[in-house]
Amino acid sequence: VDVVALRARGGLTEEGIFRIQPDQEACADLKAALNADPAATGGCADAHAFANLIKVWFREVPGSIFGLEQARRIADGELSDGAACYALVEGLPDLNRRTILWLLELIYDVCRHEDQNSMTPQAMTIVFTPNLVSPPDSMDPMLCLQLNKRVVQFAEKLFDFWNG
């Protein structure tokens, strides 16, 4: 799933894109169609289904897209500014780095239409951050909330720096 498919269905201007949950059966059908043929859309015209599959893709990445050591640095809150956050991304393996840069482009593309879709950079980072660093299943729920808060802060600093 890419921005082209999302854009073709009016997703960049769709109110609450990435927040509104689509029909789960339509999502499952679309996912199956795309897994069988990445160029297929299964006849799905629902932009929310495409947006949901982008989130699902990030959620299903095993572990953290940042890797264990960099995820620890994010979780510890040791990155004090956007430049440090961007340096962390620059130090990732090529595929991981390009994936994060792709996500930043997506956030930028969606936020360019904020007046129509009501999605701010903060809203977009809140939507995606739970899928970027995966806490262990055994982690205390309160610690998970704290981790998510730090990942949101990291993502906001990163986006602001990258977009600046």
C-alpha atoms as a PDB file:
ATOM      1  CA  VAL A   1       0.000   0.000   0.000  1.00  0.00           C
ATOM      2  CA  ASP A   2       1.402   3.373  -0.881  1.00  0.00           C
ATOM      3  CA  VAL A   3       0.507   7.033  -0.961  1.00  0.00           C
ATOM      4  CA  VAL A   4      -0.515   6.743  -4.630  1.00  0.00           C
ATOM      5  CA  ALA A   5      -3.293   4.278  -3.737  1.00  0.00           C
ATOM      6  CA  LEU A   6      -4.328   6.429  -0.797  1.00  0.00           C
ATOM      7  CA  ARG A   7      -4.308   9.602  -2.910  1.00  0.00           C
ATOM      8  CA  ALA A   8      -6.270   7.934  -5.744  1.00  0.00           C
ATOM      9  CA  ARG A   9      -9.104   7.270  -3.297  1.00  0.00           C
ATOM     10  CA  GLY A  10      -9.128  10.808  -1.904  1.00  0.00           C
ATOM     11  CA  GLY A  11      -7.416   9.659   1.287  1.00  0.00           C
ATOM     12  CA  LEU A  12      -5.213  12.689   1.767  1.00  0.00           C
ATOM     13  CA  THR A  13      -8.271  14.917   2.117  1.00  0.00           C
ATOM     14  CA  GLU A  14     -10.531  12.383   3.862  1.00  0.00           C
ATOM     15  CA  GLU A  15     -11.671  13.587   7.300  1.00  0.00           C
ATOM     16  CA  GLY A  16      -9.884  11.650  10.046  1.00  0.00           C
ATOM     17  CA  ILE A  17      -7.763   9.559   7.700  1.00  0.00           C
ATOM     18  CA  PHE A  18      -5.656   7.129   9.758  1.00  0.00           C
ATOM     19  CA  ARG A  19      -8.017   7.630  12.725  1.00  0.00           C
ATOM     20  CA  ILE A  20     -11.328   6.252  11.475  1.00  0.00           C
ATOM     21  CA  GLN A  21     -11.443   2.471  11.521  1.00  0.00           C
ATOM     22  CA  PRO A  22     -12.675   0.946   8.256  1.00  0.00           C
ATOM     23  CA  ASP A  23     -14.843  -2.120   7.880  1.00  0.00           C
ATOM     24  CA  GLN A  24     -12.655  -4.996   9.107  1.00  0.00           C
ATOM     25  CA  GLU A  25     -13.914  -7.428   6.451  1.00  0.00           C
ATOM     26  CA  ALA A  26     -13.068  -4.939   3.695  1.00  0.00           C
ATOM     27  CA  CYS A  27      -9.603  -4.538   5.238  1.00  0.00           C
ATOM     28  CA  ALA A  28      -9.043  -8.283   5.399  1.00  0.00           C
ATOM     29  CA  ASP A  29     -10.145  -8.675   1.766  1.00  0.00           C
ATOM     30  CA  LEU A  30      -7.883  -5.830   0.662  1.00  0.00           C
ATOM     31  CA  LYS A  31      -4.932  -7.245   2.589  1.00  0.00           C
ATOM     32  CA  ALA A  32      -5.453 -10.677   1.019  1.00  0.00           C
ATOM     33  CA  ALA A  33      -5.703  -9.129  -2.465  1.00  0.00           C
ATOM     34  CA  LEU A  34      -2.517  -7.104  -1.954  1.00  0.00           C
ATOM     35  CA  ASN A  35      -0.638 -10.092  -0.531  1.00  0.00           C
ATOM     36  CA  ALA A  36      -1.582 -12.103  -3.615  1.00  0.00           C
ATOM     37  CA  ASP A  37      -0.743  -9.271  -6.033  1.00  0.00           C
ATOM     38  CA  PRO A  38       0.801  -6.011  -4.754  1.00  0.00           C
ATOM     39  CA  ALA A  39      -0.745  -4.154  -7.711  1.00  0.00           C
ATOM     40  CA  ALA A  40      -4.243  -5.421  -6.905  1.00  0.00           C
ATOM     41  CA  THR A  41      -6.756  -3.470  -4.870  1.00  0.00           C
ATOM     42  CA  GLY A  42      -9.494  -6.071  -4.619  1.00  0.00           C
ATOM     43  CA  GLY A  43     -11.894  -3.443  -5.957  1.00  0.00           C
ATOM     44  CA  CYS A  44     -11.648  -1.544  -2.679  1.00  0.00           C
ATOM     45  CA  ALA A  45     -12.418   2.155  -2.912  1.00  0.00           C
ATOM     46  CA  ASP A  46     -12.263   2.886   0.832  1.00  0.00           C
ATOM     47  CA  ALA A  47      -9.351   5.213   1.598  1.00  0.00           C
ATOM     48  CA  HIS A  48      -9.652   4.331   5.291  1.00  0.00           C
ATOM     49  CA  ALA A  49      -8.969   0.671   4.462  1.00  0.00           C
ATOM     50  CA  PHE A  50      -5.752   1.626   2.675  1.00  0.00           C
ATOM     51  CA  ALA A  51      -4.709   3.909   5.543  1.00  0.00           C
ATOM     52  CA  ASN A  52      -5.423   1.139   8.042  1.00  0.00           C
ATOM     53  CA  LEU A  53      -3.238  -1.309   6.115  1.00  0.00           C
ATOM     54  CA  ILE A  54      -0.334   1.130   6.253  1.00  0.00           C
ATOM     55  CA  LYS A  55      -0.692   1.202  10.043  1.00  0.00           C
ATOM     56  CA  VAL A  56      -1.037  -2.595  10.123  1.00  0.00           C
ATOM     57  CA  TRP A  57       2.175  -2.970   8.118  1.00  0.00           C
ATOM     58  CA  PHE A  58       4.111  -0.948  10.692  1.00  0.00           C
ATOM     59  CA  ARG A  59       2.440  -2.870  13.534  1.00  0.00           C
ATOM     60  CA  GLU A  60       3.434  -6.214  12.016  1.00  0.00           C
ATOM     61  CA  VAL A  61       7.120  -5.373  11.601  1.00  0.00           C
ATOM     62  CA  PRO A  62       8.806  -7.784  14.017  1.00  0.00           C
ATOM     63  CA  GLY A  63      10.366  -6.022  16.996  1.00  0.00           C
ATOM     64  CA  SER A  64      11.080  -2.368  16.378  1.00  0.00           C
ATOM     65  CA  ILE A  65      11.860  -0.692  13.096  1.00  0.00           C
ATOM     66  CA  PHE A  66      14.554   1.136  15.068  1.00  0.00           C
ATOM     67  CA  GLY A  67      16.253  -2.009  16.342  1.00  0.00           C
ATOM     68  CA  LEU A  68      16.742  -2.900  19.982  1.00  0.00           C
ATOM     69  CA  GLU A  69      19.570  -0.502  20.881  1.00  0.00           C
ATOM     70  CA  GLN A  70      18.053   2.554  19.175  1.00  0.00           C
ATOM     71  CA  ALA A  71      14.611   1.725  20.599  1.00  0.00           C
ATOM     72  CA  ARG A  72      16.201   1.749  24.074  1.00  0.00           C
ATOM     73  CA  ARG A  73      17.642   5.210  23.408  1.00  0.00           C
ATOM     74  CA  ILE A  74      14.189   6.431  22.358  1.00  0.00           C
ATOM     75  CA  ALA A  75      12.533   4.758  25.363  1.00  0.00           C
ATOM     76  CA  ASP A  76      15.062   6.275  27.765  1.00  0.00           C
ATOM     77  CA  GLY A  77      14.241   9.732  26.425  1.00  0.00           C
ATOM     78  CA  GLU A  78      17.931  10.538  25.948  1.00  0.00           C
ATOM     79  CA  LEU A  79      17.458  12.262  22.582  1.00  0.00           C
ATOM     80  CA  SER A  80      17.075  15.904  23.484  1.00  0.00           C
ATOM     81  CA  ASP A  81      16.398  17.561  20.141  1.00  0.00           C
ATOM     82  CA  GLY A  82      15.348  16.973  16.552  1.00  0.00           C
ATOM     83  CA  ALA A  83      18.917  16.836  15.263  1.00  0.00           C
ATOM     84  CA  ALA A  84      19.719  13.991  17.668  1.00  0.00           C
ATOM     85  CA  CYS A  85      16.537  12.178  16.612  1.00  0.00           C
ATOM     86  CA  TYR A  86      17.459  12.578  12.949  1.00  0.00           C
ATOM     87  CA  ALA A  87      21.011  11.371  13.619  1.00  0.00           C
ATOM     88  CA  LEU A  88      19.550   8.214  15.160  1.00  0.00           C
ATOM     89  CA  VAL A  89      17.518   7.625  11.982  1.00  0.00           C
ATOM     90  CA  GLU A  90      20.560   8.294   9.789  1.00  0.00           C
ATOM     91  CA  GLY A  91      22.439   5.575  11.696  1.00  0.00           C
ATOM     92  CA  LEU A  92      19.824   2.889  10.999  1.00  0.00           C
ATOM     93  CA  PRO A  93      20.327   0.140   8.411  1.00  0.00           C
ATOM     94  CA  ASP A  94      19.402   1.388   4.933  1.00  0.00           C
ATOM     95  CA  LEU A  95      15.988  -0.290   4.665  1.00  0.00           C
ATOM     96  CA  ASN A  96      14.932   0.854   8.141  1.00  0.00           C
ATOM     97  CA  ARG A  97      16.161   4.402   7.478  1.00  0.00           C
ATOM     98  CA  ARG A  98      14.341   4.583   4.148  1.00  0.00           C
ATOM     99  CA  THR A  99      11.168   3.265   5.790  1.00  0.00           C
ATOM    100  CA  ILE A 100      11.227   5.985   8.457  1.00  0.00           C
ATOM    101  CA  LEU A 101      11.918   8.637   5.799  1.00  0.00           C
ATOM    102  CA  TRP A 102       8.972   7.261   3.787  1.00  0.00           C
ATOM    103  CA  LEU A 103       6.791   7.619   6.892  1.00  0.00           C
ATOM    104  CA  LEU A 104       7.927  11.228   7.354  1.00  0.00           C
ATOM    105  CA  GLU A 105       6.954  11.929   3.731  1.00  0.00           C
ATOM    106  CA  LEU A 106       3.561  10.344   4.340  1.00  0.00           C
ATOM    107  CA  ILE A 107       2.995  12.475   7.436  1.00  0.00           C
ATOM    108  CA  TYR A 108       3.983  15.554   5.438  1.00  0.00           C
ATOM    109  CA  ASP A 109       1.646  14.633   2.538  1.00  0.00           C
ATOM    110  CA  VAL A 110      -1.300  14.057   4.862  1.00  0.00           C
ATOM    111  CA  CYS A 111      -0.658  17.194   6.923  1.00  0.00           C
ATOM    112  CA  ARG A 112      -0.526  19.374   3.807  1.00  0.00           C
ATOM    113  CA  HIS A 113      -4.308  18.790   3.708  1.00  0.00           C
ATOM    114  CA  GLU A 114      -4.895  19.410   7.423  1.00  0.00           C
ATOM    115  CA  ASP A 115      -7.666  21.917   6.688  1.00  0.00           C
ATOM    116  CA  GLN A 116      -9.656  19.108   5.014  1.00  0.00           C
ATOM    117  CA  ASN A 117      -8.618  15.972   6.937  1.00  0.00           C
ATOM    118  CA  SER A 118      -8.030  17.494  10.416  1.00  0.00           C
ATOM    119  CA  MET A 119      -4.770  15.554  10.735  1.00  0.00           C
ATOM    120  CA  THR A 120      -1.962  17.589  12.290  1.00  0.00           C
ATOM    121  CA  PRO A 121       1.640  16.374  12.556  1.00  0.00           C
ATOM    122  CA  GLN A 122       0.968  15.643  16.230  1.00  0.00           C
ATOM    123  CA  ALA A 123      -2.151  13.622  15.367  1.00  0.00           C
ATOM    124  CA  MET A 124      -0.205  11.646  12.773  1.00  0.00           C
ATOM    125  CA  THR A 125       2.679  10.893  15.139  1.00  0.00           C
ATOM    126  CA  ILE A 126       0.199   9.783  17.809  1.00  0.00           C
ATOM    127  CA  VAL A 127      -1.423   7.444  15.277  1.00  0.00           C
ATOM    128  CA  PHE A 128       1.847   5.816  14.201  1.00  0.00           C
ATOM    129  CA  THR A 129       4.062   5.779  17.275  1.00  0.00           C
ATOM    130  CA  PRO A 130       2.467   2.772  19.002  1.00  0.00           C
ATOM    131  CA  ASN A 131       3.583   0.777  15.961  1.00  0.00           C
ATOM    132  CA  LEU A 132       7.191   1.972  15.837  1.00  0.00           C
ATOM    133  CA  VAL A 133       8.609   0.560  19.081  1.00  0.00           C
ATOM    134  CA  SER A 134       7.176  -2.714  20.365  1.00  0.00           C
ATOM    135  CA  PRO A 135       7.313  -3.186  24.117  1.00  0.00           C
ATOM    136  CA  PRO A 136       7.769  -6.719  25.440  1.00  0.00           C
ATOM    137  CA  ASP A 137       4.508  -8.517  26.240  1.00  0.00           C
ATOM    138  CA  SER A 138       5.586  -8.692  29.881  1.00  0.00           C
ATOM    139  CA  MET A 139       5.925  -4.894  30.236  1.00  0.00           C
ATOM    140  CA  ASP A 140       3.739  -3.248  32.849  1.00  0.00           C
ATOM    141  CA  PRO A 141       0.853  -1.326  31.182  1.00  0.00           C
ATOM    142  CA  MET A 142       1.855   1.910  32.922  1.00  0.00           C
ATOM    143  CA  LEU A 143       5.394   1.565  31.578  1.00  0.00           C
ATOM    144  CA  CYS A 144       3.933   0.936  28.120  1.00  0.00           C
ATOM    145  CA  LEU A 145       2.089   4.254  28.352  1.00  0.00           C
ATOM    146  CA  GLN A 146       5.303   5.999  29.387  1.00  0.00           C
ATOM    147  CA  LEU A 147       7.150   4.353  26.490  1.00  0.00           C
ATOM    148  CA  ASN A 148       4.485   5.461  24.041  1.00  0.00           C
ATOM    149  CA  LYS A 149       4.708   9.033  25.359  1.00  0.00           C
ATOM    150  CA  ARG A 150       8.477   9.068  24.784  1.00  0.00           C
ATOM    151  CA  VAL A 151       8.105   7.623  21.279  1.00  0.00           C
ATOM    152  CA  VAL A 152       5.528  10.335  20.486  1.00  0.00           C
ATOM    153  CA  GLN A 153       7.975  12.992  21.731  1.00  0.00           C
ATOM    154  CA  PHE A 154      10.742  11.442  19.629  1.00  0.00           C
ATOM    155  CA  ALA A 155       8.536  11.329  16.513  1.00  0.00           C
ATOM    156  CA  GLU A 156       7.380  14.924  16.964  1.00  0.00           C
ATOM    157  CA  LYS A 157      10.973  16.174  17.348  1.00  0.00           C
ATOM    158  CA  LEU A 158      12.056  14.078  14.377  1.00  0.00           C
ATOM    159  CA  PHE A 159       9.257  15.339  12.142  1.00  0.00           C
ATOM    160  CA  ASP A 160       9.780  18.975  13.149  1.00  0.00           C
ATOM    161  CA  PHE A 161      13.506  18.739  12.425  1.00  0.00           C
ATOM    162  CA  TRP A 162      13.027  16.860   9.139  1.00  0.00           C
ATOM    163  CA  ASN A 163      10.274  19.230   8.010  1.00  0.00           C
ATOM    164  CA  GLY A 164      12.239  22.342   9.009  1.00  0.00           C
END
